[in-house]
Amino acid sequence: MRLALWLLILAAIVLGIWGIWGGGWDETFTFAGSVKWLQESGAFGPGLLEFRFWWEI
C-alpha cells in the first residue's frame, strides 16, 4: 500500500512539472503537444519523431 501511495505521489509530481514546463496544460497533454515539447527540449534529433497513423500510409 505504501508503494502504491509513493508511486501515485511521484506520478503527480512528474505530471505537474511536465504540464508547467511544457508550456500549458491543454497543449502538453495531447499527442501533438507532447511531440512538440520533446522536439523543443532536444530529447530527440530531427526526424526521429516522424509519426504516421496506419490510415495515413
PDB file of N, CA and C in Angstrom:
ATOM      1  N   MET A   1       0.825  -1.197   0.000  1.00  0.00           N
ATOM      2  CA  MET A   1       0.000   0.000   0.000  1.00  0.00           C
ATOM      3  C   MET A   1       0.870   1.263   0.000  1.00  0.00           C
ATOM      4  N   ARG A   2       1.930   1.210   0.773  1.00  0.00           N
ATOM      5  CA  ARG A   2       2.823   2.376   0.805  1.00  0.00           C
ATOM      6  C   ARG A   2       3.482   2.606  -0.549  1.00  0.00           C
ATOM      7  N   LEU A   3       3.853   1.517  -1.229  1.00  0.00           N
ATOM      8  CA  LEU A   3       4.471   1.637  -2.546  1.00  0.00           C
ATOM      9  C   LEU A   3       3.508   2.290  -3.537  1.00  0.00           C
ATOM     10  N   ALA A   4       2.257   1.890  -3.506  1.00  0.00           N
ATOM     11  CA  ALA A   4       1.259   2.481  -4.405  1.00  0.00           C
ATOM     12  C   ALA A   4       1.089   3.968  -4.120  1.00  0.00           C
ATOM     13  N   LEU A   5       1.099   4.336  -2.863  1.00  0.00           N
ATOM     14  CA  LEU A   5       0.963   5.748  -2.493  1.00  0.00           C
ATOM     15  C   LEU A   5       2.162   6.557  -2.982  1.00  0.00           C
ATOM     16  N   TRP A   6       3.363   6.025  -2.804  1.00  0.00           N
ATOM     17  CA  TRP A   6       4.562   6.727  -3.271  1.00  0.00           C
ATOM     18  C   TRP A   6       4.581   6.854  -4.788  1.00  0.00           C
ATOM     19  N   LEU A   7       4.150   5.818  -5.496  1.00  0.00           N
ATOM     20  CA  LEU A   7       4.097   5.887  -6.958  1.00  0.00           C
ATOM     21  C   LEU A   7       3.068   6.908  -7.424  1.00  0.00           C
ATOM     22  N   LEU A   8       1.951   6.998  -6.726  1.00  0.00           N
ATOM     23  CA  LEU A   8       0.928   7.989  -7.062  1.00  0.00           C
ATOM     24  C   LEU A   8       1.449   9.404  -6.838  1.00  0.00           C
ATOM     25  N   ILE A   9       2.145   9.624  -5.741  1.00  0.00           N
ATOM     26  CA  ILE A   9       2.730  10.938  -5.456  1.00  0.00           C
ATOM     27  C   ILE A   9       3.788  11.285  -6.500  1.00  0.00           C
ATOM     28  N   LEU A  10       4.636  10.338  -6.836  1.00  0.00           N
ATOM     29  CA  LEU A  10       5.672  10.568  -7.844  1.00  0.00           C
ATOM     30  C   LEU A  10       5.058  10.896  -9.206  1.00  0.00           C
ATOM     31  N   ALA A  11       4.022  10.175  -9.586  1.00  0.00           N
ATOM     32  CA  ALA A  11       3.354  10.444 -10.865  1.00  0.00           C
ATOM     33  C   ALA A  11       2.745  11.842 -10.879  1.00  0.00           C
ATOM     34  N   ALA A  12       2.150  12.265  -9.772  1.00  0.00           N
ATOM     35  CA  ALA A  12       1.561  13.601  -9.698  1.00  0.00           C
ATOM     36  C   ALA A  12       2.629  14.683  -9.828  1.00  0.00           C
ATOM     37  N   ILE A  13       3.764  14.481  -9.195  1.00  0.00           N
ATOM     38  CA  ILE A  13       4.854  15.462  -9.283  1.00  0.00           C
ATOM     39  C   ILE A  13       5.394  15.537 -10.710  1.00  0.00           C
ATOM     40  N   VAL A  14       5.647  14.382 -11.308  1.00  0.00           N
ATOM     41  CA  VAL A  14       6.188  14.355 -12.671  1.00  0.00           C
ATOM     42  C   VAL A  14       5.216  14.990 -13.655  1.00  0.00           C
ATOM     43  N   LEU A  15       3.941  14.644 -13.577  1.00  0.00           N
ATOM     44  CA  LEU A  15       2.955  15.223 -14.489  1.00  0.00           C
ATOM     45  C   LEU A  15       2.768  16.712 -14.244  1.00  0.00           C
ATOM     46  N   GLY A  16       2.874  17.141 -13.004  1.00  0.00           N
ATOM     47  CA  GLY A  16       2.771  18.567 -12.706  1.00  0.00           C
ATOM     48  C   GLY A  16       3.920  19.357 -13.303  1.00  0.00           C
ATOM     49  N   ILE A  17       5.133  18.857 -13.142  1.00  0.00           N
ATOM     50  CA  ILE A  17       6.302  19.529 -13.725  1.00  0.00           C
ATOM     51  C   ILE A  17       6.207  19.520 -15.242  1.00  0.00           C
ATOM     52  N   TRP A  18       5.793  18.389 -15.806  1.00  0.00           N
ATOM     53  CA  TRP A  18       5.663  18.270 -17.255  1.00  0.00           C
ATOM     54  C   TRP A  18       4.629  19.258 -17.786  1.00  0.00           C
ATOM     55  N   GLY A  19       3.522  19.405 -17.077  1.00  0.00           N
ATOM     56  CA  GLY A  19       2.476  20.328 -17.507  1.00  0.00           C
ATOM     57  C   GLY A  19       2.910  21.780 -17.448  1.00  0.00           C
ATOM     58  N   ILE A  20       3.642  22.151 -16.413  1.00  0.00           N
ATOM     59  CA  ILE A  20       4.097  23.538 -16.274  1.00  0.00           C
ATOM     60  C   ILE A  20       5.235  23.829 -17.241  1.00  0.00           C
ATOM     61  N   TRP A  21       6.224  22.939 -17.290  1.00  0.00           N
ATOM     62  CA  TRP A  21       7.408  23.164 -18.117  1.00  0.00           C
ATOM     63  C   TRP A  21       7.068  23.043 -19.599  1.00  0.00           C
ATOM     64  N   GLY A  22       6.064  22.252 -19.923  1.00  0.00           N
ATOM     65  CA  GLY A  22       5.677  22.051 -21.308  1.00  0.00           C
ATOM     66  C   GLY A  22       4.984  23.250 -21.929  1.00  0.00           C
ATOM     67  N   GLY A  23       4.644  24.238 -21.159  1.00  0.00           N
ATOM     68  CA  GLY A  23       4.087  25.463 -21.711  1.00  0.00           C
ATOM     69  C   GLY A  23       2.580  25.539 -21.700  1.00  0.00           C
ATOM     70  N   GLY A  24       1.927  24.714 -20.943  1.00  0.00           N
ATOM     71  CA  GLY A  24       0.478  24.812 -20.861  1.00  0.00           C
ATOM     72  C   GLY A  24      -0.185  23.449 -20.778  1.00  0.00           C
ATOM     73  N   TRP A  25      -1.215  23.377 -19.987  1.00  0.00           N
ATOM     74  CA  TRP A  25      -1.897  22.113 -19.727  1.00  0.00           C
ATOM     75  C   TRP A  25      -2.555  21.564 -20.991  1.00  0.00           C
ATOM     76  N   ASP A  26      -3.309  22.393 -21.713  1.00  0.00           N
ATOM     77  CA  ASP A  26      -4.077  21.916 -22.863  1.00  0.00           C
ATOM     78  C   ASP A  26      -3.180  21.429 -23.986  1.00  0.00           C
ATOM     79  N   GLU A  27      -2.109  22.158 -24.252  1.00  0.00           N
ATOM     80  CA  GLU A  27      -1.237  21.810 -25.369  1.00  0.00           C
ATOM     81  C   GLU A  27      -0.338  20.629 -25.037  1.00  0.00           C
ATOM     82  N   THR A  28       0.055  20.511 -23.797  1.00  0.00           N
ATOM     83  CA  THR A  28       1.032  19.494 -23.423  1.00  0.00           C
ATOM     84  C   THR A  28       0.438  18.096 -23.430  1.00  0.00           C
ATOM     85  N   PHE A  29      -0.776  17.949 -22.950  1.00  0.00           N
ATOM     86  CA  PHE A  29      -1.350  16.616 -22.804  1.00  0.00           C
ATOM     87  C   PHE A  29      -2.141  16.191 -24.036  1.00  0.00           C
ATOM     88  N   THR A  30      -1.581  16.437 -25.198  1.00  0.00           N
ATOM     89  CA  THR A  30      -2.079  15.899 -26.459  1.00  0.00           C
ATOM     90  C   THR A  30      -0.882  15.298 -27.172  1.00  0.00           C
ATOM     91  N   PHE A  31      -1.139  14.491 -28.183  1.00  0.00           N
ATOM     92  CA  PHE A  31      -0.024  13.868 -28.895  1.00  0.00           C
ATOM     93  C   PHE A  31       0.852  14.921 -29.565  1.00  0.00           C
ATOM     94  N   ALA A  32       0.210  15.867 -30.255  1.00  0.00           N
ATOM     95  CA  ALA A  32       0.976  16.912 -30.950  1.00  0.00           C
ATOM     96  C   ALA A  32       1.751  17.771 -29.961  1.00  0.00           C
ATOM     97  N   GLY A  33       1.144  18.095 -28.832  1.00  0.00           N
ATOM     98  CA  GLY A  33       1.831  18.887 -27.820  1.00  0.00           C
ATOM     99  C   GLY A  33       3.014  18.154 -27.223  1.00  0.00           C
ATOM    100  N   SER A  34       2.870  16.845 -27.026  1.00  0.00           N
ATOM    101  CA  SER A  34       3.967  16.059 -26.474  1.00  0.00           C
ATOM    102  C   SER A  34       5.138  15.986 -27.442  1.00  0.00           C
ATOM    103  N   VAL A  35       4.839  15.787 -28.733  1.00  0.00           N
ATOM    104  CA  VAL A  35       5.900  15.726 -29.733  1.00  0.00           C
ATOM    105  C   VAL A  35       6.614  17.064 -29.813  1.00  0.00           C
ATOM    106  N   LYS A  36       5.853  18.149 -29.811  1.00  0.00           N
ATOM    107  CA  LYS A  36       6.442  19.492 -29.868  1.00  0.00           C
ATOM    108  C   LYS A  36       7.337  19.731 -28.652  1.00  0.00           C
ATOM    109  N   TRP A  37       6.856  19.331 -27.487  1.00  0.00           N
ATOM    110  CA  TRP A  37       7.612  19.527 -26.252  1.00  0.00           C
ATOM    111  C   TRP A  37       8.913  18.735 -26.287  1.00  0.00           C
ATOM    112  N   LEU A  38       8.863  17.494 -26.774  1.00  0.00           N
ATOM    113  CA  LEU A  38      10.071  16.671 -26.849  1.00  0.00           C
ATOM    114  C   LEU A  38      11.065  17.229 -27.859  1.00  0.00           C
ATOM    115  N   GLN A  39      10.567  17.707 -28.994  1.00  0.00           N
ATOM    116  CA  GLN A  39      11.464  18.266 -30.002  1.00  0.00           C
ATOM    117  C   GLN A  39      12.118  19.548 -29.505  1.00  0.00           C
ATOM    118  N   GLU A  40      11.353  20.408 -28.836  1.00  0.00           N
ATOM    119  CA  GLU A  40      11.912  21.667 -28.342  1.00  0.00           C
ATOM    120  C   GLU A  40      12.910  21.444 -27.220  1.00  0.00           C
ATOM    121  N   SER A  41      12.717  20.393 -26.445  1.00  0.00           N
ATOM    122  CA  SER A  41      13.635  20.131 -25.342  1.00  0.00           C
ATOM    123  C   SER A  41      14.924  19.469 -25.819  1.00  0.00           C
ATOM    124  N   GLY A  42      14.966  19.085 -27.093  1.00  0.00           N
ATOM    125  CA  GLY A  42      16.169  18.460 -27.635  1.00  0.00           C
ATOM    126  C   GLY A  42      16.319  17.003 -27.269  1.00  0.00           C
ATOM    127  N   ALA A  43      15.224  16.369 -26.862  1.00  0.00           N
ATOM    128  CA  ALA A  43      15.298  14.974 -26.449  1.00  0.00           C
ATOM    129  C   ALA A  43      15.583  14.047 -27.625  1.00  0.00           C
ATOM    130  N   PHE A  44      15.156  14.436 -28.810  1.00  0.00           N
ATOM    131  CA  PHE A  44      15.344  13.605 -29.988  1.00  0.00           C
ATOM    132  C   PHE A  44      15.882  14.457 -31.118  1.00  0.00           C
ATOM    133  N   GLY A  45      16.631  13.832 -31.998  1.00  0.00           N
ATOM    134  CA  GLY A  45      17.127  14.526 -33.181  1.00  0.00           C
ATOM    135  C   GLY A  45      16.008  14.743 -34.187  1.00  0.00           C
ATOM    136  N   PRO A  46      16.240  15.583 -35.165  1.00  0.00           N
ATOM    137  CA  PRO A  46      15.204  15.846 -36.160  1.00  0.00           C
ATOM    138  C   PRO A  46      14.865  14.591 -36.958  1.00  0.00           C
ATOM    139  N   GLY A  47      13.596  14.383 -37.183  1.00  0.00           N
ATOM    140  CA  GLY A  47      13.146  13.256 -37.983  1.00  0.00           C
ATOM    141  C   GLY A  47      12.844  11.995 -37.198  1.00  0.00           C
ATOM    142  N   LEU A  48      13.308  11.896 -35.960  1.00  0.00           N
ATOM    143  CA  LEU A  48      13.067  10.678 -35.202  1.00  0.00           C
ATOM    144  C   LEU A  48      11.633  10.575 -34.710  1.00  0.00           C
ATOM    145  N   LEU A  49      10.965  11.709 -34.590  1.00  0.00           N
ATOM    146  CA  LEU A  49       9.598  11.678 -34.092  1.00  0.00           C
ATOM    147  C   LEU A  49       8.571  11.784 -35.214  1.00  0.00           C
ATOM    148  N   GLU A  50       8.988  11.489 -36.429  1.00  0.00           N
ATOM    149  CA  GLU A  50       8.019  11.459 -37.521  1.00  0.00           C
ATOM    150  C   GLU A  50       7.068  10.306 -37.244  1.00  0.00           C
ATOM    151  N   PHE A  51       5.800  10.597 -37.220  1.00  0.00           N
ATOM    152  CA  PHE A  51       4.813   9.591 -36.840  1.00  0.00           C
ATOM    153  C   PHE A  51       3.647   9.657 -37.801  1.00  0.00           C
ATOM    154  N   ARG A  52       3.223   8.503 -38.256  1.00  0.00           N
ATOM    155  CA  ARG A  52       2.044   8.432 -39.113  1.00  0.00           C
ATOM    156  C   ARG A  52       1.127   7.349 -38.579  1.00  0.00           C
ATOM    157  N   PHE A  53      -0.150   7.635 -38.612  1.00  0.00           N
ATOM    158  CA  PHE A  53      -1.114   6.608 -38.268  1.00  0.00           C
ATOM    159  C   PHE A  53      -1.215   5.629 -39.427  1.00  0.00           C
ATOM    160  N   TRP A  54      -1.700   4.441 -39.161  1.00  0.00           N
ATOM    161  CA  TRP A  54      -1.737   3.413 -40.192  1.00  0.00           C
ATOM    162  C   TRP A  54      -2.615   3.822 -41.364  1.00  0.00           C
ATOM    163  N   TRP A  55      -3.636   4.658 -41.135  1.00  0.00           N
ATOM    164  CA  TRP A  55      -4.518   5.053 -42.237  1.00  0.00           C
ATOM    165  C   TRP A  55      -3.921   6.178 -43.089  1.00  0.00           C
ATOM    166  N   GLU A  56      -2.801   6.756 -42.683  1.00  0.00           N
ATOM    167  CA  GLU A  56      -2.150   7.799 -43.467  1.00  0.00           C
ATOM    168  C   GLU A  56      -1.086   7.229 -44.408  1.00  0.00           C
ATOM    169  N   ILE A  57      -0.727   5.977 -44.218  1.00  0.00           N
ATOM    170  CA  ILE A  57       0.337   5.371 -45.031  1.00  0.00           C
ATOM    171  C   ILE A  57      -0.216   4.957 -46.388  1.00  0.00           C
TER     172      ILE A  57
END
